[in-house]
Amino acid sequence: MPGDIVVQDSDDRSERMIKDPGRYFAEARERAEREVRREAEVRKDAAGQDEPGE
């Protein structure tokens, strides 16, 4: 078994949150809002396909 194992982590969220919390949370809010809008569009499109005559 190797003695030296290095785990690299590319997740820098905690560093970004500490460095500039206002920006971090603003970006997180924007991502969440985009996801909600995208989900609403997907559901709207799926509901529209089931309607006859459309």
N, C-alpha and C. Protein backbone atom coordinates (compact mmCIF):
# COMPACT_ATOMS: atom_id res chain seq x y z
N MET A 1 0.86 -1.18 0.00
CA MET A 1 0.00 0.00 0.00
C MET A 1 0.91 1.24 0.00
N PRO A 2 0.62 2.20 -0.87
CA PRO A 2 1.47 3.40 -0.93
C PRO A 2 1.39 4.20 0.36
N GLY A 3 2.52 4.78 0.73
CA GLY A 3 2.57 5.57 1.95
C GLY A 3 2.06 6.99 1.78
N ASP A 4 2.25 7.56 0.59
CA ASP A 4 1.85 8.96 0.35
C ASP A 4 0.67 9.01 -0.61
N ILE A 5 -0.48 9.33 -0.10
CA ILE A 5 -1.67 9.48 -0.93
C ILE A 5 -2.12 10.92 -0.83
N VAL A 6 -2.30 11.54 -1.98
CA VAL A 6 -2.72 12.93 -2.03
C VAL A 6 -4.11 12.98 -2.66
N VAL A 7 -5.03 13.58 -1.97
CA VAL A 7 -6.38 13.76 -2.49
C VAL A 7 -6.53 15.21 -2.90
N GLN A 8 -6.85 15.44 -4.16
CA GLN A 8 -7.04 16.80 -4.64
C GLN A 8 -8.53 17.09 -4.70
N ASP A 9 -8.90 18.22 -4.16
CA ASP A 9 -10.30 18.62 -4.11
C ASP A 9 -10.46 19.91 -4.89
N SER A 10 -11.28 19.87 -5.92
CA SER A 10 -11.47 21.07 -6.74
C SER A 10 -12.66 21.91 -6.25
N ASP A 11 -13.29 21.49 -5.17
CA ASP A 11 -14.44 22.23 -4.64
C ASP A 11 -13.93 23.37 -3.76
N ASP A 12 -14.03 24.58 -4.28
CA ASP A 12 -13.52 25.75 -3.56
C ASP A 12 -14.63 26.61 -2.97
N ARG A 13 -15.81 26.02 -2.80
CA ARG A 13 -16.94 26.80 -2.30
C ARG A 13 -16.67 27.45 -0.95
N SER A 14 -16.08 26.70 -0.04
CA SER A 14 -15.84 27.28 1.30
C SER A 14 -14.87 28.45 1.22
N GLU A 15 -13.85 28.35 0.37
CA GLU A 15 -12.91 29.46 0.21
C GLU A 15 -13.60 30.68 -0.38
N ARG A 16 -14.45 30.46 -1.39
CA ARG A 16 -15.16 31.59 -2.01
C ARG A 16 -16.14 32.21 -1.04
N MET A 17 -16.79 31.39 -0.22
CA MET A 17 -17.76 31.91 0.74
C MET A 17 -17.07 32.79 1.78
N ILE A 18 -15.91 32.37 2.23
CA ILE A 18 -15.17 33.16 3.23
C ILE A 18 -14.63 34.44 2.62
N LYS A 19 -14.12 34.35 1.40
CA LYS A 19 -13.50 35.50 0.75
C LYS A 19 -14.50 36.61 0.45
N ASP A 20 -15.68 36.25 -0.08
CA ASP A 20 -16.68 37.25 -0.45
C ASP A 20 -18.08 36.66 -0.27
N PRO A 21 -18.58 36.63 0.98
CA PRO A 21 -19.86 35.96 1.23
C PRO A 21 -21.03 36.58 0.47
N GLY A 22 -21.04 37.89 0.31
CA GLY A 22 -22.14 38.52 -0.42
C GLY A 22 -22.23 38.03 -1.84
N ARG A 23 -21.10 37.99 -2.51
CA ARG A 23 -21.08 37.52 -3.90
C ARG A 23 -21.41 36.03 -3.97
N TYR A 24 -20.84 35.25 -3.06
CA TYR A 24 -21.08 33.82 -3.05
C TYR A 24 -22.58 33.52 -2.96
N PHE A 25 -23.26 34.15 -2.01
CA PHE A 25 -24.68 33.88 -1.83
C PHE A 25 -25.53 34.48 -2.95
N ALA A 26 -25.11 35.60 -3.52
CA ALA A 26 -25.83 36.17 -4.66
C ALA A 26 -25.76 35.22 -5.85
N GLU A 27 -24.58 34.67 -6.11
CA GLU A 27 -24.43 33.72 -7.21
C GLU A 27 -25.22 32.44 -6.95
N ALA A 28 -25.23 31.98 -5.72
CA ALA A 28 -26.00 30.79 -5.37
C ALA A 28 -27.49 31.03 -5.58
N ARG A 29 -27.96 32.21 -5.19
CA ARG A 29 -29.37 32.56 -5.39
C ARG A 29 -29.70 32.61 -6.88
N GLU A 30 -28.82 33.19 -7.69
CA GLU A 30 -29.05 33.26 -9.13
C GLU A 30 -29.11 31.86 -9.74
N ARG A 31 -28.21 30.97 -9.32
CA ARG A 31 -28.24 29.60 -9.83
C ARG A 31 -29.55 28.91 -9.46
N ALA A 32 -30.00 29.10 -8.23
CA ALA A 32 -31.25 28.48 -7.78
C ALA A 32 -32.44 29.02 -8.56
N GLU A 33 -32.46 30.33 -8.82
CA GLU A 33 -33.55 30.93 -9.58
C GLU A 33 -33.57 30.40 -11.01
N ARG A 34 -32.39 30.26 -11.63
CA ARG A 34 -32.31 29.71 -12.99
C ARG A 34 -32.84 28.28 -13.01
N GLU A 35 -32.48 27.50 -12.01
CA GLU A 35 -32.93 26.11 -11.95
C GLU A 35 -34.44 26.04 -11.79
N VAL A 36 -35.02 26.90 -10.97
CA VAL A 36 -36.47 26.91 -10.78
C VAL A 36 -37.16 27.28 -12.10
N ARG A 37 -36.62 28.30 -12.79
CA ARG A 37 -37.21 28.69 -14.08
C ARG A 37 -37.10 27.56 -15.10
N ARG A 38 -35.95 26.90 -15.13
CA ARG A 38 -35.76 25.80 -16.08
C ARG A 38 -36.74 24.66 -15.79
N GLU A 39 -36.89 24.32 -14.52
CA GLU A 39 -37.84 23.26 -14.15
C GLU A 39 -39.27 23.65 -14.53
N ALA A 40 -39.63 24.90 -14.33
CA ALA A 40 -40.97 25.36 -14.69
C ALA A 40 -41.19 25.24 -16.19
N GLU A 41 -40.18 25.58 -16.99
CA GLU A 41 -40.30 25.46 -18.44
C GLU A 41 -40.44 24.00 -18.86
N VAL A 42 -39.68 23.12 -18.25
CA VAL A 42 -39.76 21.70 -18.58
C VAL A 42 -41.15 21.17 -18.26
N ARG A 43 -41.67 21.53 -17.10
CA ARG A 43 -43.01 21.07 -16.72
C ARG A 43 -44.08 21.67 -17.63
N LYS A 44 -43.92 22.94 -17.99
CA LYS A 44 -44.87 23.59 -18.88
C LYS A 44 -44.86 22.90 -20.24
N ASP A 45 -43.68 22.61 -20.76
CA ASP A 45 -43.57 21.93 -22.05
C ASP A 45 -44.16 20.53 -21.98
N ALA A 46 -43.92 19.81 -20.90
CA ALA A 46 -44.45 18.46 -20.75
C ALA A 46 -45.97 18.48 -20.66
N ALA A 47 -46.52 19.45 -19.96
CA ALA A 47 -47.97 19.56 -19.83
C ALA A 47 -48.59 19.93 -21.17
N GLY A 48 -47.95 20.77 -21.94
CA GLY A 48 -48.46 21.19 -23.23
C GLY A 48 -48.49 20.07 -24.25
N GLN A 49 -47.61 19.10 -24.13
CA GLN A 49 -47.58 17.99 -25.08
C GLN A 49 -48.74 17.04 -24.87
N ASP A 50 -49.29 17.02 -23.68
CA ASP A 50 -50.40 16.11 -23.39
C ASP A 50 -51.75 16.65 -23.84
N GLU A 51 -51.82 17.95 -24.13
CA GLU A 51 -53.09 18.55 -24.49
C GLU A 51 -53.42 18.26 -25.95
N PRO A 52 -54.66 17.80 -26.23
CA PRO A 52 -55.05 17.53 -27.62
C PRO A 52 -55.17 18.82 -28.43
N GLY A 53 -54.84 18.72 -29.71
CA GLY A 53 -55.00 19.87 -30.59
C GLY A 53 -53.84 20.84 -30.55
N GLU A 54 -52.81 20.54 -29.87
CA GLU A 54 -51.67 21.46 -29.78
C GLU A 54 -50.49 20.90 -30.52
